[in-house]
Structure formats: structure tokens, C-alpha cells
Amino acid sequence: MQNITNLLRTMAFSALFVASSTFAAGDPAAGAQLNAQCQGCHGIDGFKTAFPTVYSVPKIGGQSYDYLVVALKAYRDGDRTNETMHAIASSLSDQDIDDLAAYYSGDQKD
């Protein structure tokens, strides 16, 4: 019984290690090359947009990697609604999203 418990613990730890290492697979340098569209709105302090309604655009520099990945995929896949973000995110691959998330969750100030 002890051997089974130890085996299950080892398997659970291994699964968590693999999941965490594959989830954070973005390349910040590649994300820096992709961020031109993001910068136009998310890189300006106090920026407001008028489409589809007037609202303040959040700064995304320093946001968590996991949040950015989930949010961008949701915009891309239509699970999160904003016409502008959907239009931009719909052209992003999973790798592009990982790279942008790695860039924006890093130390840069954009």
C-alpha cells in the first residue's frame, strides 16, 4: 500500500511539473516583435477608445502570464467579447499568444 501511495505522489508531482513547464513556453523576445498592435492602445497611460463604446484601455505590462494567455485565447475564440480584441487576437497562434504573454508578464513597462 505504501508503494502505491508513493507512486501516486510521484506521478502527481511529475504531472504538475510537466504542466507548469509546458504552460510557460512563451519567448519574451518573440513577443516584443509581435506587440506593435498591442502598444497602440495598451501602451498609453490613460488611453480611452471609442469603439464599440468609450472605455479606458487597461495597461497590460506586468499582468500575469496565465491571465494573459487565457484572456487572449478567449478573445480569439469568441468566448470573451470585444470586437477590436477579437479582430486582433483572431490572427494569433497559440505560440504568438504564449510569446506575447511572456513579454507582457515580464519586466518591461509597456
Protein backbone atom coordinates (compact mmCIF):
# COMPACT_ATOMS: atom_id res chain seq x y z
CA MET A 1 0.00 0.00 0.00
CA GLN A 2 2.87 2.37 0.85
CA ASN A 3 4.42 1.74 -2.59
CA ILE A 4 1.16 2.65 -4.33
CA THR A 5 0.85 5.85 -2.30
CA ASN A 6 4.43 6.83 -3.14
CA LEU A 7 3.87 6.02 -6.79
CA LEU A 8 0.73 8.17 -6.92
CA ARG A 9 2.55 11.08 -5.23
CA THR A 10 5.40 10.81 -7.72
CA MET A 11 3.01 10.72 -10.66
CA ALA A 12 1.06 13.73 -9.37
CA PHE A 13 4.25 15.73 -8.85
CA SER A 14 5.52 14.79 -12.30
CA ALA A 15 2.24 15.81 -13.93
CA LEU A 16 2.32 19.19 -12.19
CA PHE A 17 5.93 19.74 -13.22
CA VAL A 18 5.24 18.91 -16.86
CA ALA A 19 2.08 21.03 -16.94
CA SER A 20 3.77 24.08 -15.43
CA SER A 21 6.84 23.84 -17.65
CA THR A 22 4.83 23.49 -20.85
CA PHE A 23 2.37 26.23 -19.92
CA ALA A 24 5.05 28.89 -19.58
CA ALA A 25 6.50 28.24 -23.03
CA GLY A 26 6.48 31.80 -24.35
CA ASP A 27 9.51 33.67 -25.66
CA PRO A 28 9.57 37.30 -24.45
CA ALA A 29 11.89 38.37 -27.30
CA ALA A 30 9.45 36.99 -29.87
CA GLY A 31 6.58 38.68 -28.01
CA ALA A 32 8.41 42.00 -28.22
CA GLN A 33 8.42 41.61 -32.01
CA LEU A 34 4.64 40.98 -32.05
CA ASN A 35 3.46 43.77 -29.77
CA ALA A 36 3.01 46.63 -32.26
CA GLN A 37 -0.80 46.30 -32.37
CA CYS A 38 -0.94 45.96 -28.58
CA GLN A 39 1.14 49.08 -27.99
CA GLY A 40 -1.29 51.28 -29.89
CA CYS A 41 -3.84 51.01 -27.08
CA HIS A 42 -2.33 49.17 -24.12
CA GLY A 43 0.94 51.12 -24.05
CA ILE A 44 -0.55 54.59 -23.48
CA ASP A 45 -1.35 55.78 -19.95
CA GLY A 46 -4.99 56.84 -19.63
CA PHE A 47 -5.88 55.85 -23.20
CA LYS A 48 -9.60 55.62 -23.98
CA THR A 49 -11.14 54.09 -27.05
CA ALA A 50 -14.48 54.88 -28.63
CA PHE A 51 -15.26 51.52 -30.22
CA PRO A 52 -17.53 49.79 -29.53
CA THR A 53 -18.12 52.18 -26.61
CA VAL A 54 -15.94 54.67 -24.76
CA TYR A 55 -13.88 52.90 -22.10
CA SER A 56 -10.43 53.06 -20.57
CA VAL A 57 -7.98 50.58 -22.03
CA PRO A 58 -6.01 48.73 -19.36
CA LYS A 59 -2.23 48.71 -19.31
CA ILE A 60 -1.14 45.07 -19.63
CA GLY A 61 2.54 45.31 -18.77
CA GLY A 62 3.20 43.30 -15.62
CA GLN A 63 -0.04 41.32 -15.86
CA SER A 64 0.26 37.62 -15.04
CA TYR A 65 1.30 35.23 -17.79
CA ASP A 66 -1.58 32.84 -17.11
CA TYR A 67 -4.20 35.60 -17.19
CA LEU A 68 -2.91 36.98 -20.50
CA VAL A 69 -2.90 33.55 -22.16
CA VAL A 70 -6.45 32.78 -21.02
CA ALA A 71 -7.73 36.25 -21.98
CA LEU A 72 -6.14 36.30 -25.44
CA LYS A 73 -7.38 32.82 -26.27
CA ALA A 74 -10.87 33.76 -25.09
CA TYR A 75 -10.86 36.89 -27.31
CA ARG A 76 -9.51 34.86 -30.24
CA ASP A 77 -12.06 32.08 -29.84
CA GLY A 78 -15.00 34.44 -29.26
CA ASP A 79 -15.54 33.36 -25.64
CA ARG A 80 -14.76 36.88 -24.42
CA THR A 81 -16.43 39.72 -26.27
CA ASN A 82 -14.76 42.83 -27.61
CA GLU A 83 -14.84 43.34 -31.36
CA THR A 84 -11.45 45.03 -31.54
CA MET A 85 -9.71 42.44 -29.40
CA HIS A 86 -11.36 39.59 -31.30
CA ALA A 87 -10.19 41.05 -34.62
CA ILE A 88 -6.62 41.34 -33.37
CA ALA A 89 -6.46 38.07 -31.42
CA SER A 90 -8.09 36.01 -34.18
CA SER A 91 -4.85 36.16 -36.16
CA LEU A 92 -2.71 34.92 -33.25
CA SER A 93 -1.45 31.35 -32.99
CA ASP A 94 -1.09 29.63 -29.63
CA GLN A 95 2.66 30.31 -29.83
CA ASP A 96 2.06 34.00 -30.58
CA ILE A 97 -0.18 34.22 -27.51
CA ASP A 98 2.44 32.47 -25.35
CA ASP A 99 5.13 34.85 -26.64
CA LEU A 100 3.03 37.98 -26.03
CA ALA A 101 2.11 36.75 -22.55
CA ALA A 102 5.78 36.08 -21.76
CA TYR A 103 6.69 39.58 -22.97
CA TYR A 104 3.95 41.45 -21.14
CA SER A 105 4.28 39.49 -17.90
CA GLY A 106 7.99 40.30 -17.80
CA ASP A 107 9.85 43.39 -16.59
CA GLN A 108 9.05 45.71 -19.49
CA LYS A 109 6.91 48.77 -18.77
CA ASP A 110 4.54 48.70 -21.78
